[in-house]
Protein backbone atom coordinates (compact mmCIF):
# COMPACT_ATOMS: atom_id res chain seq x y z
CA MET A 1 -1.16 29.46 13.14
CA ARG A 2 -2.84 31.57 16.01
CA VAL A 3 -6.40 30.63 17.19
CA VAL A 4 -9.19 32.30 19.13
CA LEU A 5 -11.32 29.70 20.68
CA ALA A 6 -14.74 30.40 22.17
CA GLU A 7 -16.55 27.66 24.27
CA ASP A 8 -18.46 28.20 27.46
CA LEU A 9 -18.04 24.65 28.63
CA PHE A 10 -14.79 24.40 30.55
CA LEU A 11 -13.98 20.63 29.87
CA LEU A 12 -14.75 21.03 26.22
CA ARG A 13 -12.89 24.20 25.81
CA ASP A 14 -9.86 22.79 27.78
CA GLY A 15 -10.01 19.61 25.59
CA LEU A 16 -10.04 21.70 22.42
CA VAL A 17 -7.15 23.91 23.58
CA ARG A 18 -5.06 20.72 24.30
CA LEU A 19 -5.92 19.20 21.00
CA LEU A 20 -5.00 22.23 18.91
CA GLU A 21 -1.84 22.76 20.69
CA ALA A 22 -0.86 19.22 20.27
CA TYR A 23 -1.21 19.84 16.47
CA GLY A 24 1.08 22.97 16.47
CA PHE A 25 -1.54 25.69 16.72
CA LYS A 26 -1.07 28.62 19.08
CA ILE A 27 -4.02 29.62 21.48
CA ALA A 28 -4.12 33.29 21.23
CA ALA A 29 -7.08 33.26 23.53
CA ALA A 30 -9.53 30.80 24.99
CA VAL A 31 -12.77 32.58 26.21
CA ALA A 32 -16.25 31.52 27.49
CA SER A 33 -18.41 34.39 26.60
CA GLY A 34 -19.58 36.82 24.01
CA PRO A 35 -18.17 39.91 25.33
CA GLU A 36 -14.78 38.11 25.88
CA LEU A 37 -14.70 36.78 22.36
CA THR A 38 -15.45 40.28 20.74
CA ARG A 39 -12.36 41.69 22.69
CA ALA A 40 -10.15 38.80 21.92
CA LEU A 41 -11.01 39.02 18.17
CA ALA A 42 -10.37 42.62 18.24
CA GLU A 43 -7.10 42.55 20.14
CA GLU A 44 -5.47 39.24 18.93
CA ARG A 45 -6.46 39.50 15.17
CA PRO A 46 -6.05 35.56 14.93
CA ASP A 47 -5.44 33.36 11.96
CA VAL A 48 -8.67 31.70 12.55
CA ALA A 49 -11.48 31.78 15.31
CA VAL A 50 -13.33 28.52 16.45
CA VAL A 51 -16.60 29.57 17.85
CA ASP A 52 -19.49 27.86 19.61
CA VAL A 53 -22.81 29.44 18.37
CA ARG A 54 -24.43 29.75 21.86
CA LEU A 55 -22.34 31.68 24.49
CA PRO A 56 -23.10 33.55 27.62
CA PRO A 57 -24.85 35.90 28.28
CA SER A 58 -27.77 35.36 25.87
CA PHE A 59 -27.04 31.61 25.14
CA THR A 60 -28.86 32.27 21.81
CA ASP A 61 -26.60 33.14 18.91
CA GLU A 62 -24.18 35.20 20.76
CA GLY A 63 -20.96 33.55 19.49
CA LEU A 64 -21.88 33.71 15.94
CA GLN A 65 -23.12 37.38 16.15
CA CYS A 66 -19.57 38.25 17.53
CA ALA A 67 -17.89 36.39 14.91
CA LEU A 68 -20.04 38.03 12.22
CA ALA A 69 -19.31 41.44 13.56
CA ALA A 70 -15.56 40.57 13.74
CA ARG A 71 -15.79 39.57 9.97
CA ARG A 72 -17.38 43.00 9.00
CA ALA A 73 -14.52 44.71 10.77
CA THR A 74 -11.94 42.39 9.31
CA PRO A 75 -13.34 41.10 6.10
CA GLY A 76 -12.37 37.51 5.51
CA LEU A 77 -11.54 36.65 8.85
CA PRO A 78 -11.74 33.02 9.12
CA VAL A 79 -14.40 31.54 11.28
CA LEU A 80 -15.33 27.91 12.20
CA VAL A 81 -18.46 27.62 13.80
CA LEU A 82 -19.33 24.72 16.37
CA SER A 83 -22.92 23.92 17.02
CA GLN A 84 -25.16 21.13 18.60
CA HIS A 85 -27.80 21.75 15.73
CA VAL A 86 -28.20 22.55 12.02
CA GLU A 87 -29.29 26.21 12.10
CA GLN A 88 -30.12 27.47 8.60
CA LEU A 89 -30.15 31.04 9.59
CA TYR A 90 -26.85 30.87 11.20
CA ALA A 91 -25.11 29.22 8.39
CA ARG A 92 -26.81 31.66 5.62
CA GLU A 93 -25.60 34.59 7.82
CA LEU A 94 -22.01 33.14 7.81
CA LEU A 95 -21.94 32.57 4.05
CA ALA A 96 -23.61 35.85 3.30
CA ASP A 97 -20.31 37.89 2.44
CA GLY A 98 -18.88 35.19 0.21
CA SER A 99 -15.41 36.24 1.39
CA GLY A 100 -14.45 32.71 2.16
CA GLY A 101 -12.67 31.05 5.16
CA VAL A 102 -15.99 29.69 6.59
CA GLY A 103 -16.99 26.55 8.38
CA TYR A 104 -19.86 25.01 10.12
CA LEU A 105 -19.49 21.72 12.09
CA LEU A 106 -21.73 19.80 14.23
CA LYS A 107 -20.16 18.83 17.50
CA ASP A 108 -21.60 15.26 17.72
CA ARG A 109 -20.41 14.47 14.18
CA VAL A 110 -16.73 15.42 14.59
CA PHE A 111 -15.44 11.81 15.08
CA ASP A 112 -11.76 12.20 15.31
CA ALA A 113 -8.88 14.69 15.84
CA GLU A 114 -7.76 14.66 12.20
CA GLN A 115 -11.08 15.59 10.69
CA PHE A 116 -11.44 18.57 13.06
CA VAL A 117 -7.75 19.88 12.64
CA ASP A 118 -8.07 19.57 8.91
CA ALA A 119 -11.18 21.59 9.08
CA VAL A 120 -9.46 24.20 11.21
CA ARG A 121 -6.51 24.24 8.72
CA ARG A 122 -8.85 24.54 5.73
CA VAL A 123 -10.99 27.42 7.03
CA ALA A 124 -7.68 29.31 8.10
CA ALA A 125 -6.55 29.00 4.62
CA GLY A 126 -9.67 30.76 3.15
CA GLY A 127 -11.53 27.32 2.26
CA THR A 128 -14.75 26.04 3.29
CA ALA A 129 -15.65 23.18 5.84
CA MET A 130 -19.18 22.56 6.11
CA ASP A 131 -20.93 19.30 7.74
CA PRO A 132 -22.78 17.43 5.03
CA GLN A 133 -26.09 17.80 7.21
CA VAL A 134 -25.68 21.56 6.98
CA ILE A 135 -25.06 21.20 3.26
CA SER A 136 -28.06 19.03 2.74
CA GLN A 137 -30.39 21.35 4.50
CA LEU A 138 -29.10 24.32 2.74
CA LEU A 139 -29.91 22.28 -0.72
CA THR A 140 -33.15 21.05 0.54
CA ARG A 141 -34.30 24.79 1.27
CA ARG A 142 -33.54 25.45 -2.34
CA GLU A 143 -35.27 22.28 -3.66
CA LYS A 144 -37.96 24.21 -5.61
CA ASP A 145 -35.72 26.86 -6.84
CA ARG A 146 -35.42 26.20 -10.77
CA PRO A 147 -31.65 26.22 -11.17
CA MET A 148 -31.32 23.50 -8.58
CA ALA A 149 -33.99 21.68 -10.15
CA ARG A 150 -31.85 21.36 -13.30
CA LEU A 151 -29.21 19.23 -11.49
CA THR A 152 -29.27 15.56 -11.80
CA PRO A 153 -29.01 13.48 -8.44
CA ARG A 154 -25.44 12.76 -9.09
CA GLU A 155 -24.72 16.46 -9.65
CA ARG A 156 -26.19 17.23 -6.35
CA GLU A 157 -23.93 14.59 -4.71
CA VAL A 158 -20.99 16.06 -6.34
CA MET A 159 -22.00 19.62 -5.23
CA GLU A 160 -22.64 18.52 -1.67
CA LEU A 161 -19.06 17.04 -1.52
CA MET A 162 -17.63 20.17 -3.22
CA ALA A 163 -19.21 22.25 -0.41
CA GLN A 164 -17.55 20.13 2.12
CA GLY A 165 -14.24 21.23 0.66
CA ARG A 166 -13.31 18.08 -1.14
CA SER A 167 -11.07 18.21 -4.15
CA ASN A 168 -12.10 16.45 -7.68
CA THR A 169 -9.65 13.52 -6.64
CA ALA A 170 -11.48 12.98 -3.31
CA ILE A 171 -14.99 13.17 -4.61
CA ALA A 172 -14.01 10.64 -7.48
CA GLU A 173 -12.61 8.33 -4.79
CA ARG A 174 -15.63 8.84 -2.56
CA LEU A 175 -18.37 8.05 -5.49
CA THR A 176 -16.00 5.40 -6.96
CA VAL A 177 -15.75 7.08 -10.46
CA THR A 178 -12.97 8.62 -12.63
CA GLU A 179 -11.73 12.09 -11.95
CA ARG A 180 -12.58 12.79 -15.58
CA ALA A 181 -16.18 12.20 -14.72
CA ILE A 182 -16.21 14.36 -11.65
CA THR A 183 -14.55 17.18 -13.93
CA LYS A 184 -17.57 16.73 -16.33
CA HIS A 185 -20.11 16.86 -13.54
CA THR A 186 -18.57 20.03 -11.85
CA SER A 187 -18.65 21.79 -15.41
CA ASN A 188 -22.19 20.84 -15.94
CA ILE A 189 -23.03 22.25 -12.34
CA PHE A 190 -21.59 25.54 -13.04
CA VAL A 191 -23.38 25.83 -16.46
CA LYS A 192 -26.66 25.04 -14.86
CA LEU A 193 -26.27 27.38 -12.06
CA GLY A 194 -24.84 30.34 -14.21
CA LEU A 195 -21.51 30.26 -12.37
CA PRO A 196 -18.06 30.89 -13.74
CA VAL A 197 -15.95 27.56 -13.86
CA SER A 198 -12.86 27.58 -11.90
CA ASP A 199 -10.00 25.27 -11.41
CA ASP A 200 -9.50 26.91 -7.90
CA ASP A 201 -11.37 24.57 -5.26
CA ASN A 202 -11.93 27.26 -2.97
CA ARG A 203 -13.36 29.65 -5.25
CA ARG A 204 -15.45 26.87 -6.79
CA VAL A 205 -16.86 26.03 -3.24
CA LEU A 206 -17.55 29.59 -2.23
CA ALA A 207 -19.24 30.17 -5.53
CA VAL A 208 -21.70 27.34 -5.07
CA LEU A 209 -22.26 28.32 -1.39
CA ALA A 210 -22.84 31.90 -2.42
CA TYR A 211 -25.38 30.63 -4.93
CA LEU A 212 -27.17 28.61 -2.06
CA ASP A 213 -27.34 31.84 -0.01
CA ARG A 214 -28.98 33.91 -2.76
CA GLY A 215 -32.53 34.94 -2.21
C-alpha cells in the first residue's frame, strides 16, 4: 500500500515513515510543505495520504487544502488528517463530498502503533476513522437540530462509535450489550435521521457523517 505523508516536523515525519514501513506500507513520498504535498499527490497517486493540517508556507490549513484539492482532482482519494486540535470547519470540509476514505485523528490521542496503523488501513479501504472528540463536537454542533434531538442518549453513543468506524460487534462489546440490541439501535437511528438502512459498515458511517455535515 503506497502512502504520501506530509508533516513539517522532521522527527515526527521520520518516525511516521519508520512506523508505516515497519507495518508493510511503502512510502511514495514524505514531504514537509504544502507545495511539495500538492506535487506528490499529483505525481504519485497514492493509496492513501496522511496529512498534517498545518504545513508551510502558511501554517494555517495548508495541508488540508492541498488534500481537498487532490480529492477534487481524484474523487475518493483516501485522506487521513492529523491535527493538534479539533477544528470543526476542517472536518466538515473533509466530509463534504461524502465519497468516503476520510479520517481525522488528534496527534496527542494516538496512543499506540496498532491504533494508528488500523486507522490508515481503514481509510485506505474507503472507510472512516474519526477521533471521538471530533465526532462529539460535530454532534454537539447539531444539538439543536430536530432530527438529532430525536435520538436517545444510547442512540447517540452508538452513532458516535459508528462514526469511529466500529462494527456492530465492536460496539456491542464496548457498550456491554448484545449485538442484536445494537442492530435495533442502528435501525432506529436511520429511521429517525431519514437515512436508508445498510448492512455495509462504511456506507452506514459515511451516511451518518454526511448527515452531520449538512446545513
